[in-house]
Amino acid sequence: MTEHIEIPTRMLVHALIREDATVDAQELYAVANTLGMSDQQVRLCIKRLVADGRFTHQGRGRKAQLHATADTMRTLAPNADFVRHAFRQDAGLAPWDGVWHLAAFAVPESARTVRDSLRETLVHLGGAALQGGLYVCANAWEPYVEEAAHRLGAHGALTLLTTTDLRRGDAREPAALASLLWPLREVADRYHRLSRLTRPRLARLTDATALSPSALLTLAVELAAELTRAMEPDPLLPPELLPRPWPGTEARELIALSWAALHERDGDEARPALFRLYADITREAAERAAQTGGTAPRRG
């Protein structure tokens, strides 16, 4: 029996946004029902998303159509950048240059909400705390950090710098530092789970059994949700700083094979934007690796 994947209703709605920024309610309810969600659960979620300004709504019930706002569509882009970077790393296309990227900020207690939001953003971007208000990342995160600081009104309190000489106590070897600063065991466990959940779904996608459009969408949503869960705490450290073998590489390879199989099965149906996005990212990684002699996600 295929292991169940828990999917929040809000995540389901976001996953089904099509490339024209719409969500078809008939499709949404069908996939939700397949995942064990009630119609009432879906209706309440739609109501909250509309009230929060994330979507507009036309029509009623299963004949309705949701329209994602511009802000909602923009939230897909940063995640796409991170997924694309992860596949580039897997393909050997993003070697580490030995540079650590640091961000420091001093936001007063009177602006605690801004301070907390900036701290959460730095961790989300792959940063690890060195000490109060000082964070380090192994990737060039400056554009994302500055965008967040501008958005939060804290850019004047932000200091950015780089170094090739980072030490904590007696630890200075880069891989040893990485193991001290980031929760790599927890991240690895999430990727082991992703691989375990992906394998039976990949088997369904690659055998000869016919799958309905709602079944294909359900599989796509499950895979996207679990990929998100695995990658959220992942600082996307360069391979040079990670234990070998790193389970993220295998997990993303299985995901790439799954997206390729979904792409072959869906024909000319309108796809969710994330579906197209992930399919394009894995194809790009394969093409670039082939051109440069890197290691691409294998296709069967």
C-alpha atoms as a PDB file:
ATOM      1  CA  MET A   1       0.000   0.000   0.000  1.00  0.00           C
ATOM      2  CA  THR A   2       1.368   3.440  -0.956  1.00  0.00           C
ATOM      3  CA  GLU A   3       2.218   5.533   2.091  1.00  0.00           C
ATOM      4  CA  HIS A   4      -0.088   8.506   2.599  1.00  0.00           C
ATOM      5  CA  ILE A   5       1.225  12.047   2.095  1.00  0.00           C
ATOM      6  CA  GLU A   6      -0.458  14.737   4.184  1.00  0.00           C
ATOM      7  CA  ILE A   7      -1.221  17.856   2.146  1.00  0.00           C
ATOM      8  CA  PRO A   8      -2.636  21.065   3.661  1.00  0.00           C
ATOM      9  CA  THR A   9      -5.595  22.388   1.686  1.00  0.00           C
ATOM     10  CA  ARG A  10      -3.890  25.721   1.064  1.00  0.00           C
ATOM     11  CA  MET A  11      -0.867  23.933  -0.403  1.00  0.00           C
ATOM     12  CA  LEU A  12      -3.182  21.983  -2.703  1.00  0.00           C
ATOM     13  CA  VAL A  13      -4.772  25.169  -4.045  1.00  0.00           C
ATOM     14  CA  HIS A  14      -1.360  26.725  -4.695  1.00  0.00           C
ATOM     15  CA  ALA A  15      -0.113  23.561  -6.380  1.00  0.00           C
ATOM     16  CA  LEU A  16      -3.020  23.598  -8.850  1.00  0.00           C
ATOM     17  CA  ILE A  17      -2.453  27.154 -10.091  1.00  0.00           C
ATOM     18  CA  ARG A  18      -2.238  26.962 -13.872  1.00  0.00           C
ATOM     19  CA  GLU A  19       0.112  28.953 -16.036  1.00  0.00           C
ATOM     20  CA  ASP A  20      -2.624  31.518 -16.695  1.00  0.00           C
ATOM     21  CA  ALA A  21      -2.896  32.079 -12.887  1.00  0.00           C
ATOM     22  CA  THR A  22      -6.252  30.278 -12.606  1.00  0.00           C
ATOM     23  CA  VAL A  23      -7.414  27.310 -10.555  1.00  0.00           C
ATOM     24  CA  ASP A  24     -10.318  25.286 -11.913  1.00  0.00           C
ATOM     25  CA  ALA A  25     -12.681  24.472  -9.033  1.00  0.00           C
ATOM     26  CA  GLN A  26     -13.873  21.211 -10.612  1.00  0.00           C
ATOM     27  CA  GLU A  27     -10.270  20.039 -10.787  1.00  0.00           C
ATOM     28  CA  LEU A  28      -9.556  21.292  -7.273  1.00  0.00           C
ATOM     29  CA  TYR A  29     -12.496  19.435  -5.720  1.00  0.00           C
ATOM     30  CA  ALA A  30     -11.703  16.252  -7.648  1.00  0.00           C
ATOM     31  CA  VAL A  31      -8.096  16.133  -6.456  1.00  0.00           C
ATOM     32  CA  ALA A  32      -9.106  17.169  -2.940  1.00  0.00           C
ATOM     33  CA  ASN A  33     -11.611  14.336  -2.744  1.00  0.00           C
ATOM     34  CA  THR A  34      -8.984  11.873  -3.973  1.00  0.00           C
ATOM     35  CA  LEU A  35      -6.730  13.085  -1.155  1.00  0.00           C
ATOM     36  CA  GLY A  36      -9.505  12.595   1.414  1.00  0.00           C
ATOM     37  CA  MET A  37     -10.481  16.252   1.829  1.00  0.00           C
ATOM     38  CA  SER A  38     -14.125  17.189   2.226  1.00  0.00           C
ATOM     39  CA  ASP A  39     -15.886  19.760   0.045  1.00  0.00           C
ATOM     40  CA  GLN A  40     -16.488  21.863   3.151  1.00  0.00           C
ATOM     41  CA  GLN A  41     -12.768  21.869   3.897  1.00  0.00           C
ATOM     42  CA  VAL A  42     -12.041  23.127   0.393  1.00  0.00           C
ATOM     43  CA  ARG A  43     -14.775  25.792   0.553  1.00  0.00           C
ATOM     44  CA  LEU A  44     -13.443  27.174   3.835  1.00  0.00           C
ATOM     45  CA  CYS A  45      -9.905  27.296   2.457  1.00  0.00           C
ATOM     46  CA  ILE A  46     -11.046  29.161  -0.665  1.00  0.00           C
ATOM     47  CA  LYS A  47     -12.933  31.640   1.512  1.00  0.00           C
ATOM     48  CA  ARG A  48      -9.821  32.309   3.629  1.00  0.00           C
ATOM     49  CA  LEU A  49      -7.560  32.686   0.572  1.00  0.00           C
ATOM     50  CA  VAL A  50      -9.955  35.197  -0.998  1.00  0.00           C
ATOM     51  CA  ALA A  51     -10.268  37.091   2.294  1.00  0.00           C
ATOM     52  CA  ASP A  52      -6.453  37.219   2.570  1.00  0.00           C
ATOM     53  CA  GLY A  53      -6.201  38.729  -0.923  1.00  0.00           C
ATOM     54  CA  ARG A  54      -4.363  35.707  -2.344  1.00  0.00           C
ATOM     55  CA  PHE A  55      -7.068  34.920  -4.927  1.00  0.00           C
ATOM     56  CA  THR A  56     -10.176  36.380  -6.510  1.00  0.00           C
ATOM     57  CA  HIS A  57     -13.205  34.190  -7.137  1.00  0.00           C
ATOM     58  CA  GLN A  58     -15.721  33.910  -9.974  1.00  0.00           C
ATOM     59  CA  GLY A  59     -18.695  31.567 -10.102  1.00  0.00           C
ATOM     60  CA  ARG A  60     -20.035  29.130  -7.540  1.00  0.00           C
ATOM     61  CA  GLY A  61     -19.209  25.652  -6.349  1.00  0.00           C
ATOM     62  CA  ARG A  62     -17.478  23.293  -8.752  1.00  0.00           C
ATOM     63  CA  LYS A  63     -18.139  25.611 -11.697  1.00  0.00           C
ATOM     64  CA  ALA A  64     -16.129  28.422 -10.124  1.00  0.00           C
ATOM     65  CA  GLN A  65     -12.711  29.633 -11.124  1.00  0.00           C
ATOM     66  CA  LEU A  66     -10.068  31.117  -8.839  1.00  0.00           C
ATOM     67  CA  HIS A  67      -7.589  33.731 -10.042  1.00  0.00           C
ATOM     68  CA  ALA A  68      -4.267  34.009  -8.228  1.00  0.00           C
ATOM     69  CA  THR A  69      -3.187  37.572  -7.526  1.00  0.00           C
ATOM     70  CA  ALA A  70       0.128  38.925  -8.785  1.00  0.00           C
ATOM     71  CA  ASP A  71       1.634  38.633  -5.289  1.00  0.00           C
ATOM     72  CA  THR A  72       0.621  34.971  -5.101  1.00  0.00           C
ATOM     73  CA  MET A  73       2.240  34.234  -8.457  1.00  0.00           C
ATOM     74  CA  ARG A  74       5.425  36.017  -7.400  1.00  0.00           C
ATOM     75  CA  THR A  75       5.796  33.726  -4.395  1.00  0.00           C
ATOM     76  CA  LEU A  76       6.417  30.815  -6.788  1.00  0.00           C
ATOM     77  CA  ALA A  77       9.556  32.391  -8.256  1.00  0.00           C
ATOM     78  CA  PRO A  78      11.990  32.265  -5.284  1.00  0.00           C
ATOM     79  CA  ASN A  79      11.168  28.612  -4.647  1.00  0.00           C
ATOM     80  CA  ALA A  80      11.812  27.903  -8.325  1.00  0.00           C
ATOM     81  CA  ASP A  81      15.220  29.562  -8.038  1.00  0.00           C
ATOM     82  CA  PHE A  82      16.163  27.303  -5.123  1.00  0.00           C
ATOM     83  CA  VAL A  83      14.955  24.121  -6.834  1.00  0.00           C
ATOM     84  CA  ARG A  84      16.848  25.089  -9.989  1.00  0.00           C
ATOM     85  CA  HIS A  85      20.007  25.720  -7.971  1.00  0.00           C
ATOM     86  CA  ALA A  86      19.696  22.343  -6.224  1.00  0.00           C
ATOM     87  CA  PHE A  87      19.521  20.506  -9.545  1.00  0.00           C
ATOM     88  CA  ARG A  88      22.502  22.511 -10.827  1.00  0.00           C
ATOM     89  CA  GLN A  89      24.458  21.377  -7.772  1.00  0.00           C
ATOM     90  CA  ASP A  90      23.422  17.762  -8.349  1.00  0.00           C
ATOM     91  CA  ALA A  91      24.605  18.013 -11.951  1.00  0.00           C
ATOM     92  CA  GLY A  92      28.012  19.369 -10.918  1.00  0.00           C
ATOM     93  CA  LEU A  93      27.252  22.793 -12.421  1.00  0.00           C
ATOM     94  CA  ALA A  94      27.584  24.899  -9.258  1.00  0.00           C
ATOM     95  CA  PRO A  95      30.955  24.159  -7.625  1.00  0.00           C
ATOM     96  CA  TRP A  96      31.765  26.029  -4.427  1.00  0.00           C
ATOM     97  CA  ASP A  97      34.246  28.891  -4.691  1.00  0.00           C
ATOM     98  CA  GLY A  98      35.249  28.695  -1.025  1.00  0.00           C
ATOM     99  CA  VAL A  99      33.512  31.959  -0.129  1.00  0.00           C
ATOM    100  CA  TRP A 100      31.259  32.296   2.933  1.00  0.00           C
ATOM    101  CA  HIS A 101      28.551  34.969   2.685  1.00  0.00           C
ATOM    102  CA  LEU A 102      27.625  36.768   5.911  1.00  0.00           C
ATOM    103  CA  ALA A 103      24.754  39.031   6.865  1.00  0.00           C
ATOM    104  CA  ALA A 104      24.577  41.021  10.099  1.00  0.00           C
ATOM    105  CA  PHE A 105      21.778  43.220  11.350  1.00  0.00           C
ATOM    106  CA  ALA A 106      20.989  45.289  14.419  1.00  0.00           C
ATOM    107  CA  VAL A 107      17.249  45.936  14.681  1.00  0.00           C
ATOM    108  CA  PRO A 108      16.015  47.503  17.953  1.00  0.00           C
ATOM    109  CA  GLU A 109      13.584  45.825  20.347  1.00  0.00           C
ATOM    110  CA  SER A 110      10.940  48.373  19.337  1.00  0.00           C
ATOM    111  CA  ALA A 111      10.896  46.757  15.884  1.00  0.00           C
ATOM    112  CA  ARG A 112      10.783  43.158  17.135  1.00  0.00           C
ATOM    113  CA  THR A 113       8.407  41.997  14.375  1.00  0.00           C
ATOM    114  CA  VAL A 114      10.785  43.253  11.681  1.00  0.00           C
ATOM    115  CA  ARG A 115      13.753  41.672  13.465  1.00  0.00           C
ATOM    116  CA  ASP A 116      11.996  38.314  13.772  1.00  0.00           C
ATOM    117  CA  SER A 117      10.878  38.390  10.137  1.00  0.00           C
ATOM    118  CA  LEU A 118      14.400  39.165   8.928  1.00  0.00           C
ATOM    119  CA  ARG A 119      15.833  36.371  11.069  1.00  0.00           C
ATOM    120  CA  GLU A 120      13.287  33.883   9.703  1.00  0.00           C
ATOM    121  CA  THR A 121      14.048  35.005   6.145  1.00  0.00           C
ATOM    122  CA  LEU A 122      17.784  34.472   6.592  1.00  0.00           C
ATOM    123  CA  VAL A 123      17.233  30.952   7.899  1.00  0.00           C
ATOM    124  CA  HIS A 124      14.801  30.233   5.047  1.00  0.00           C
ATOM    125  CA  LEU A 125      17.470  31.379   2.583  1.00  0.00           C
ATOM    126  CA  GLY A 126      19.920  28.835   3.985  1.00  0.00           C
ATOM    127  CA  GLY A 127      21.597  30.903   6.680  1.00  0.00           C
ATOM    128  CA  ALA A 128      22.930  29.598   9.987  1.00  0.00           C
ATOM    129  CA  ALA A 129      23.321  31.740  13.104  1.00  0.00           C
ATOM    130  CA  LEU A 130      26.909  32.401  14.152  1.00  0.00           C
ATOM    131  CA  GLN A 131      25.866  34.621  17.052  1.00  0.00           C
ATOM    132  CA  GLY A 132      23.178  37.197  17.758  1.00  0.00           C
ATOM    133  CA  GLY A 133      22.303  39.038  14.555  1.00  0.00           C
ATOM    134  CA  LEU A 134      25.070  37.419  12.477  1.00  0.00           C
ATOM    135  CA  TYR A 135      24.275  34.715   9.900  1.00  0.00           C
ATOM    136  CA  VAL A 136      26.344  32.804   7.365  1.00  0.00           C
ATOM    137  CA  CYS A 137      25.456  31.117   4.069  1.00  0.00           C
ATOM    138  CA  ALA A 138      27.584  29.107   1.642  1.00  0.00           C
ATOM    139  CA  ASN A 139      25.772  30.522  -1.400  1.00  0.00           C
ATOM    140  CA  ALA A 140      25.604  34.024  -2.881  1.00  0.00           C
ATOM    141  CA  TRP A 141      22.380  35.086  -1.196  1.00  0.00           C
ATOM    142  CA  GLU A 142      22.843  38.857  -1.277  1.00  0.00           C
ATOM    143  CA  PRO A 143      20.066  39.731  -3.792  1.00  0.00           C
ATOM    144  CA  TYR A 144      17.491  37.764  -1.777  1.00  0.00           C
ATOM    145  CA  VAL A 145      18.662  39.179   1.551  1.00  0.00           C
ATOM    146  CA  GLU A 146      18.592  42.751   0.291  1.00  0.00           C
ATOM    147  CA  GLU A 147      15.159  42.310  -1.268  1.00  0.00           C
ATOM    148  CA  ALA A 148      13.801  41.038   2.053  1.00  0.00           C
ATOM    149  CA  ALA A 149      15.484  43.830   4.028  1.00  0.00           C
ATOM    150  CA  HIS A 150      14.041  46.478   1.689  1.00  0.00           C
ATOM    151  CA  ARG A 151      10.596  44.896   1.942  1.00  0.00           C
ATOM    152  CA  LEU A 152      10.781  44.883   5.745  1.00  0.00           C
ATOM    153  CA  GLY A 153      12.166  48.406   5.973  1.00  0.00           C
ATOM    154  CA  ALA A 154      15.414  47.170   7.548  1.00  0.00           C
ATOM    155  CA  HIS A 155      17.925  47.711   4.753  1.00  0.00           C
ATOM    156  CA  GLY A 156      19.705  50.469   6.678  1.00  0.00           C
ATOM    157  CA  ALA A 157      20.359  48.049   9.536  1.00  0.00           C
ATOM    158  CA  LEU A 158      21.868  45.364   7.276  1.00  0.00           C
ATOM    159  CA  THR A 159      25.577  44.685   6.766  1.00  0.00           C
ATOM    160  CA  LEU A 160      26.799  42.226   4.136  1.00  0.00           C
ATOM    161  CA  LEU A 161      30.302  40.803   3.844  1.00  0.00           C
ATOM    162  CA  THR A 162      32.203  37.784   2.546  1.00  0.00           C
ATOM    163  CA  THR A 163      35.178  35.807   3.832  1.00  0.00           C
ATOM    164  CA  THR A 164      37.235  32.739   2.990  1.00  0.00           C
ATOM    165  CA  ASP A 165      38.473  32.405   6.579  1.00  0.00           C
ATOM    166  CA  LEU A 166      35.680  31.248   8.890  1.00  0.00           C
ATOM    167  CA  ARG A 167      36.316  29.521  12.207  1.00  0.00           C
ATOM    168  CA  ARG A 168      34.240  28.375  15.150  1.00  0.00           C
ATOM    169  CA  GLY A 169      36.347  27.322  18.078  1.00  0.00           C
ATOM    170  CA  ASP A 170      38.963  24.975  16.666  1.00  0.00           C
ATOM    171  CA  ALA A 171      36.828  24.082  13.630  1.00  0.00           C
ATOM    172  CA  ARG A 172      37.878  25.749  10.394  1.00  0.00           C
ATOM    173  CA  GLU A 173      37.673  22.956   7.765  1.00  0.00           C
ATOM    174  CA  PRO A 174      34.617  23.839   5.643  1.00  0.00           C
ATOM    175  CA  ALA A 175      32.798  20.475   5.831  1.00  0.00           C
ATOM    176  CA  ALA A 176      33.381  20.301   9.594  1.00  0.00           C
ATOM    177  CA  LEU A 177      31.992  23.819   9.981  1.00  0.00           C
ATOM    178  CA  ALA A 178      28.940  22.897   7.907  1.00  0.00           C
ATOM    179  CA  SER A 179      28.198  19.908  10.142  1.00  0.00           C
ATOM    180  CA  LEU A 180      28.368  22.191  13.202  1.00  0.00           C
ATOM    181  CA  LEU A 181      26.285  25.025  11.810  1.00  0.00           C
ATOM    182  CA  TRP A 182      23.451  23.283   9.969  1.00  0.00           C
ATOM    183  CA  PRO A 183      21.095  20.408  11.015  1.00  0.00           C
ATOM    184  CA  LEU A 184      22.301  18.101   8.263  1.00  0.00           C
ATOM    185  CA  ARG A 185      20.982  14.914   9.882  1.00  0.00           C
ATOM    186  CA  GLU A 186      17.442  16.301   9.978  1.00  0.00           C
ATOM    187  CA  VAL A 187      17.720  17.454   6.364  1.00  0.00           C
ATOM    188  CA  ALA A 188      19.050  14.050   5.317  1.00  0.00           C
ATOM    189  CA  ASP A 189      16.157  12.283   7.077  1.00  0.00           C
ATOM    190  CA  ARG A 190      13.679  14.379   5.086  1.00  0.00           C
ATOM    191  CA  TYR A 191      15.342  13.373   1.837  1.00  0.00           C
ATOM    192  CA  HIS A 192      15.302   9.693   2.842  1.00  0.00           C
ATOM    193  CA  ARG A 193      11.555  10.102   3.389  1.00  0.00           C
ATOM    194  CA  LEU A 194      11.166  11.836   0.023  1.00  0.00           C
ATOM    195  CA  SER A 195      12.900   8.939  -1.732  1.00  0.00           C
ATOM    196  CA  ARG A 196      10.774   6.375   0.119  1.00  0.00           C
ATOM    197  CA  LEU A 197       7.541   8.147  -0.830  1.00  0.00           C
ATOM    198  CA  THR A 198       8.573   8.853  -4.429  1.00  0.00           C
ATOM    199  CA  ARG A 199       9.573   5.308  -5.458  1.00  0.00           C
ATOM    200  CA  PRO A 200       6.067   3.732  -5.419  1.00  0.00           C
ATOM    201  CA  ARG A 201       4.600   6.784  -7.168  1.00  0.00           C
ATOM    202  CA  LEU A 202       7.275   6.631  -9.836  1.00  0.00           C
ATOM    203  CA  ALA A 203       6.444   2.942 -10.289  1.00  0.00           C
ATOM    204  CA  ARG A 204       2.780   3.862 -10.890  1.00  0.00           C
ATOM    205  CA  LEU A 205       3.766   6.510 -13.403  1.00  0.00           C
ATOM    206  CA  THR A 206       6.064   4.236 -15.373  1.00  0.00           C
ATOM    207  CA  ASP A 207       3.959   1.066 -15.602  1.00  0.00           C
ATOM    208  CA  ALA A 208       1.318   0.434 -18.266  1.00  0.00           C
ATOM    209  CA  THR A 209      -1.716   1.121 -16.056  1.00  0.00           C
ATOM    210  CA  ALA A 210      -3.933   3.941 -17.289  1.00  0.00           C
ATOM    211  CA  LEU A 211      -4.265   6.921 -14.934  1.00  0.00           C
ATOM    212  CA  SER A 212      -7.077   9.481 -15.021  1.00  0.00           C
ATOM    213  CA  PRO A 213      -6.300  13.214 -15.217  1.00  0.00           C
ATOM    214  CA  SER A 214      -7.290  13.638 -11.548  1.00  0.00           C
ATOM    215  CA  ALA A 215      -5.025  10.730 -10.569  1.00  0.00           C
ATOM    216  CA  LEU A 216      -2.098  12.314 -12.432  1.00  0.00           C
ATOM    217  CA  LEU A 217      -2.755  15.656 -10.773  1.00  0.00           C
ATOM    218  CA  THR A 218      -2.946  13.970  -7.390  1.00  0.00           C
ATOM    219  CA  LEU A 219       0.433  12.331  -7.925  1.00  0.00           C
ATOM    220  CA  ALA A 220       1.913  15.638  -9.100  1.00  0.00           C
ATOM    221  CA  VAL A 221       0.584  17.468  -6.036  1.00  0.00           C
ATOM    222  CA  GLU A 222       1.843  14.770  -3.663  1.00  0.00           C
ATOM    223  CA  LEU A 223       5.324  14.874  -5.171  1.00  0.00           C
ATOM    224  CA  ALA A 224       5.443  18.678  -5.152  1.00  0.00           C
ATOM    225  CA  ALA A 225       4.278  18.816  -1.529  1.00  0.00           C
ATOM    226  CA  GLU A 226       6.839  16.300  -0.330  1.00  0.00           C
ATOM    227  CA  LEU A 227       9.638  17.959  -2.327  1.00  0.00           C
ATOM    228  CA  THR A 228       8.715  21.243  -0.631  1.00  0.00           C
ATOM    229  CA  ARG A 229       8.820  19.615   2.801  1.00  0.00           C
ATOM    230  CA  ALA A 230      12.239  18.144   2.113  1.00  0.00           C
ATOM    231  CA  MET A 231      13.745  21.323   0.706  1.00  0.00           C
ATOM    232  CA  GLU A 232      12.333  23.897   3.150  1.00  0.00           C
ATOM    233  CA  PRO A 233      15.013  23.295   5.845  1.00  0.00           C
ATOM    234  CA  ASP A 234      17.758  22.514   3.312  1.00  0.00           C
ATOM    235  CA  PRO A 235      20.437  25.241   3.181  1.00  0.00           C
ATOM    236  CA  LEU A 236      21.472  23.863  -0.241  1.00  0.00           C
ATOM    237  CA  LEU A 237      25.092  23.590   0.789  1.00  0.00           C
ATOM    238  CA  PRO A 238      27.539  22.941  -2.044  1.00  0.00           C
ATOM    239  CA  PRO A 239      28.372  19.240  -2.493  1.00  0.00           C
ATOM    240  CA  GLU A 240      31.903  19.937  -1.225  1.00  0.00           C
ATOM    241  CA  LEU A 241      30.445  20.634   2.253  1.00  0.00           C
ATOM    242  CA  LEU A 242      28.101  17.645   2.475  1.00  0.00           C
ATOM    243  CA  PRO A 243      28.519  14.032   3.619  1.00  0.00           C
ATOM    244  CA  ARG A 244      28.829  11.531   0.777  1.00  0.00           C
ATOM    245  CA  PRO A 245      26.635  10.047  -0.480  1.00  0.00           C
ATOM    246  CA  TRP A 246      24.143  12.854   0.105  1.00  0.00           C
ATOM    247  CA  PRO A 247      20.505  11.587   0.089  1.00  0.00           C
ATOM    248  CA  GLY A 248      19.216  14.806  -1.464  1.00  0.00           C
ATOM    249  CA  THR A 249      20.893  13.921  -4.751  1.00  0.00           C
ATOM    250  CA  GLU A 250      19.136  10.554  -5.036  1.00  0.00           C
ATOM    251  CA  ALA A 251      15.794  11.998  -3.896  1.00  0.00           C
ATOM    252  CA  ARG A 252      15.866  14.746  -6.507  1.00  0.00           C
ATOM    253  CA  GLU A 253      16.886  12.230  -9.164  1.00  0.00           C
ATOM    254  CA  LEU A 254      13.757  10.207  -8.359  1.00  0.00           C
ATOM    255  CA  ILE A 255      11.697  13.397  -8.481  1.00  0.00           C
ATOM    256  CA  ALA A 256      13.194  14.259 -11.879  1.00  0.00           C
ATOM    257  CA  LEU A 257      12.264  10.829 -13.233  1.00  0.00           C
ATOM    258  CA  SER A 258       8.749  11.266 -11.852  1.00  0.00           C
ATOM    259  CA  TRP A 259       8.298  14.664 -13.498  1.00  0.00           C
ATOM    260  CA  ALA A 260       9.560  13.221 -16.784  1.00  0.00           C
ATOM    261  CA  ALA A 261       6.989  10.412 -16.526  1.00  0.00           C
ATOM    262  CA  LEU A 262       4.226  12.898 -15.686  1.00  0.00           C
ATOM    263  CA  HIS A 263       5.247  15.010 -18.662  1.00  0.00           C
ATOM    264  CA  GLU A 264       4.957  11.995 -20.975  1.00  0.00           C
ATOM    265  CA  ARG A 265       1.504  11.092 -19.665  1.00  0.00           C
ATOM    266  CA  ASP A 266      -0.263  14.445 -19.489  1.00  0.00           C
ATOM    267  CA  GLY A 267      -0.493  15.092 -23.241  1.00  0.00           C
ATOM    268  CA  ASP A 268      -1.673  18.589 -24.070  1.00  0.00           C
ATOM    269  CA  GLU A 269      -3.725  19.099 -20.922  1.00  0.00           C
ATOM    270  CA  ALA A 270      -3.432  22.444 -19.155  1.00  0.00           C
ATOM    271  CA  ARG A 271      -0.815  21.969 -16.478  1.00  0.00           C
ATOM    272  CA  PRO A 272      -0.395  23.507 -13.045  1.00  0.00           C
ATOM    273  CA  ALA A 273       2.356  26.122 -13.119  1.00  0.00           C
ATOM    274  CA  LEU A 274       4.476  24.142 -10.649  1.00  0.00           C
ATOM    275  CA  PHE A 275       4.169  21.077 -12.890  1.00  0.00           C
ATOM    276  CA  ARG A 276       5.600  22.981 -15.852  1.00  0.00           C
ATOM    277  CA  LEU A 277       8.162  24.696 -13.651  1.00  0.00           C
ATOM    278  CA  TYR A 278       9.617  21.520 -12.165  1.00  0.00           C
ATOM    279  CA  ALA A 279       9.562  19.728 -15.519  1.00  0.00           C
ATOM    280  CA  ASP A 280      11.454  22.620 -17.114  1.00  0.00           C
ATOM    281  CA  ILE A 281      13.995  22.752 -14.269  1.00  0.00           C
ATOM    282  CA  THR A 282      14.826  19.052 -14.458  1.00  0.00           C
ATOM    283  CA  ARG A 283      15.079  19.224 -18.258  1.00  0.00           C
ATOM    284  CA  GLU A 284      17.400  22.251 -18.043  1.00  0.00           C
ATOM    285  CA  ALA A 285      19.638  20.430 -15.559  1.00  0.00           C
ATOM    286  CA  ALA A 286      19.846  17.400 -17.825  1.00  0.00           C
ATOM    287  CA  GLU A 287      20.653  19.497 -20.902  1.00  0.00           C
ATOM    288  CA  ARG A 288      23.332  21.573 -19.154  1.00  0.00           C
ATOM    289  CA  ALA A 289      24.952  18.507 -17.631  1.00  0.00           C
ATOM    290  CA  ALA A 290      25.059  16.843 -21.047  1.00  0.00           C
ATOM    291  CA  GLN A 291      26.755  19.921 -22.517  1.00  0.00           C
ATOM    292  CA  THR A 292      29.355  20.215 -19.764  1.00  0.00           C
ATOM    293  CA  GLY A 293      29.924  16.574 -18.895  1.00  0.00           C
ATOM    294  CA  GLY A 294      28.253  16.883 -15.478  1.00  0.00           C
ATOM    295  CA  THR A 295      26.107  14.254 -13.822  1.00  0.00           C
ATOM    296  CA  ALA A 296      22.492  14.709 -14.926  1.00  0.00           C
ATOM    297  CA  PRO A 297      19.399  13.182 -13.349  1.00  0.00           C
ATOM    298  CA  ARG A 298      19.041   9.870 -15.199  1.00  0.00           C
ATOM    299  CA  ARG A 299      16.017   9.166 -17.355  1.00  0.00           C
ATOM    300  CA  GLY A 300      15.446   5.440 -16.926  1.00  0.00           C
END
